[in-house]
Each structure stands twice: as C-alpha cells, then as structure tokens.
C-alpha cells in the first residue's frame, strides 16, 4: 500500500476518491475541517449524526453516498467512509492506529480502492506523530493471512492519502 501525506483541505483531497439507530449516547463532535467537508457534501455527515445512524464510537463505521441526493455537489466523492474514534479524552496514538485499521478493513469489504484520511488535530500529538500512527494502523490493519483463501473478494485499498490541514 502506498501512503502519502499532503497538506490541503480535506474536500480537495477527496475529489474522485472513494473514500446505527437512535442512541442515548452523545453525538460526535466534528472538527472544523470535517464541518467544512460536510458543507461541501450538502450536510450528509450532519444528517446521519442527527438521525443517530453514526455514533462516533471507536470502530463505528458508516459509508455515505453523498451524490445520491439532488442537492449534493457534483464534485463530491462517490463514497465517504466515516470511522468513529471514540471519546475525545481517550484519543491517543493507539486510538489513531485502531481507527485507521478499522477504515482499511471496512474499505476492503466495500471494494474501495483508495482512501483519503483527515489527520485530526489532537492535544499532545503533533500532526507528524498522528500521521505516523495512522500510517502504521493502515499497514497493520491491511494485513491478513489469506494463503488458503480464494482470491478476488475484499481487496485491500491500494492507496491512502493522509490529509493534514494547512497551518
């Protein structure tokens, strides 16, 4: 798998990339860059959070198809994979690795060939350290022993772009 790190707005990096019910849990808080991305998607992320379809719990995943609605942007990616990271107070390098591993495994199960992952700004973890942890999680999460299994189902993504917000 090829992993690259680029400094750009998330909505610019995802162009052309394929990237549960009601609950008493608190709704996930979106980072400013993700809120901007959500606006570019016509509010698709906010919609699923408001409905309770995505909790943001560690390992929680959901694939959105933002172009399905008439109000969605034509420049939006065909698919958006949301991956929960859990409670903010529990976020560390291992949480980033687990998130990346969950993303790559879910992408493989959905035939997503490439990913763009927003590197979150976390207290106490710089962007380079966060990007490294995510890259490690992608590589570790993409490993599977399949010597005795039939080929063709669930190919792992071949590329991942880690998006670091400028500034």
Foldseek 3Di string as FASTA:
>chain_A
DAEAEDADQLLVVCFQFAADADDPADFDDDDPSVVVNCVLLVNQVVVCSVRVVFRLAALTKDKDQSVPDPPGDPRGYRIHIDGHQHDLVPDDLVSLLSRLLSRQQVCLQVVGQEYEAEQDDHPPADSVSSSVSSVNSNVVSQDDDDPPPDDDGRHTHPYYYYYYYDD
